[in-house]
Amino acid sequence: MKPTPNLEGIAIVATLLEESTDAITFNAAMLELGANPGLMESLMAVQFVKDAIQGNPCPDKRYTAGIMQFIAEAERKRIADEKSDK
C-alpha cells in the first residue's frame, strides 16, 4: 500500500514548478522529495493540471518526465558544485 502524500508536502514540492524559485525554497522542495519520493507522482499530477490551465492541449508523461529529469539534473549539478567548492 502506497502512503498517501500530505497536502503540505505536495505544496512544498510543487514550488519546483514555479517560474522562479529561490535557493531556500528549492532546497526545501528537494529535501521533501528526498524524504518522500512518492511525491514525484503528485508533482507530475500538479504539472498536468498546470499544463491544462495554461492551454497545453496534450500533456503527456514524457513531457512531464522531461521536466522532472531537468530538476533532478539541476540538483545533481548543484550538489556536485557544492562538493567541488569545499
Protein backbone atom coordinates (compact mmCIF):
# COMPACT_ATOMS: atom_id res chain seq x y z
CA MET A 1 0.00 0.00 0.00
CA LYS A 2 1.40 3.39 -1.00
CA PRO A 3 1.43 6.11 1.67
CA THR A 4 -0.88 9.00 0.87
CA PRO A 5 1.10 12.19 0.31
CA ASN A 6 0.07 15.02 2.62
CA LEU A 7 -1.03 18.36 1.26
CA GLU A 8 1.81 20.25 2.95
CA GLY A 9 4.43 18.01 1.29
CA ILE A 10 2.76 18.39 -2.08
CA ALA A 11 2.70 22.18 -1.70
CA ILE A 12 6.40 22.26 -0.83
CA VAL A 13 7.35 20.07 -3.81
CA ALA A 14 5.04 21.96 -6.17
CA THR A 15 7.22 25.05 -5.75
CA LEU A 16 9.62 23.32 -8.18
CA LEU A 17 7.13 24.13 -10.92
CA GLU A 18 7.20 27.87 -10.29
CA GLU A 19 8.86 30.08 -12.88
CA SER A 20 11.27 31.45 -10.31
CA THR A 21 12.25 29.72 -7.10
CA ASP A 22 14.84 30.93 -4.63
CA ALA A 23 17.55 28.62 -3.31
CA ILE A 24 15.92 28.14 0.09
CA THR A 25 12.60 27.11 -1.45
CA PHE A 26 14.34 24.84 -3.97
CA ASN A 27 16.37 23.14 -1.23
CA ALA A 28 13.26 22.63 0.93
CA ALA A 29 11.46 21.05 -2.02
CA MET A 30 14.38 18.75 -2.79
CA LEU A 31 14.62 17.69 0.86
CA GLU A 32 10.89 16.93 0.85
CA LEU A 33 11.25 14.85 -2.33
CA GLY A 34 14.21 13.02 -0.82
CA ALA A 35 12.23 12.23 2.32
CA ASN A 36 9.07 11.32 0.37
CA PRO A 37 9.97 10.04 -3.12
CA GLY A 38 6.32 9.16 -3.70
CA LEU A 39 5.62 12.88 -4.01
CA MET A 40 7.06 12.73 -7.53
CA GLU A 41 3.72 11.32 -8.70
CA SER A 42 1.93 14.24 -7.05
CA LEU A 43 4.36 16.65 -8.69
CA MET A 44 3.57 15.12 -12.07
CA ALA A 45 -0.17 15.48 -11.41
CA VAL A 46 0.30 19.14 -10.50
CA GLN A 47 2.27 19.64 -13.71
CA PHE A 48 -0.55 18.08 -15.76
CA VAL A 49 -3.06 20.47 -14.18
CA LYS A 50 -0.75 23.44 -14.72
CA ASP A 51 -0.29 22.44 -18.37
CA ALA A 52 -4.05 22.18 -18.84
CA ILE A 53 -4.68 25.58 -17.25
CA GLN A 54 -2.01 27.16 -19.45
CA GLY A 55 -3.58 25.66 -22.55
CA ASN A 56 -1.14 22.85 -23.35
CA PRO A 57 -3.57 20.65 -25.30
CA CYS A 58 -1.88 17.30 -24.75
CA PRO A 59 0.39 16.98 -21.74
CA ASP A 60 1.92 13.55 -21.51
CA LYS A 61 4.20 11.59 -19.22
CA ARG A 62 7.23 12.10 -21.48
CA TYR A 63 6.82 15.86 -21.30
CA THR A 64 6.46 15.79 -17.53
CA ALA A 65 9.27 13.25 -17.20
CA GLY A 66 11.50 15.67 -19.12
CA ILE A 67 10.75 18.41 -16.60
CA MET A 68 11.41 16.06 -13.70
CA GLN A 69 14.69 14.98 -15.30
CA PHE A 70 15.73 18.63 -15.68
CA ILE A 71 15.03 19.23 -11.97
CA ALA A 72 16.96 16.10 -10.96
CA GLU A 73 19.95 17.04 -13.12
CA ALA A 74 19.96 20.60 -11.76
CA GLU A 75 20.02 19.22 -8.23
CA ARG A 76 22.86 16.79 -9.04
CA LYS A 77 24.85 19.66 -10.54
CA ARG A 78 24.20 21.87 -7.53
CA ILE A 79 25.40 19.14 -5.15
CA ALA A 80 28.49 18.45 -7.29
CA ASP A 81 29.29 22.18 -7.40
CA GLU A 82 28.95 22.44 -3.62
CA LYS A 83 31.29 19.46 -3.15
CA SER A 84 33.89 20.90 -5.54
CA ASP A 85 33.82 24.24 -3.68
CA LYS A 86 34.82 22.54 -0.42
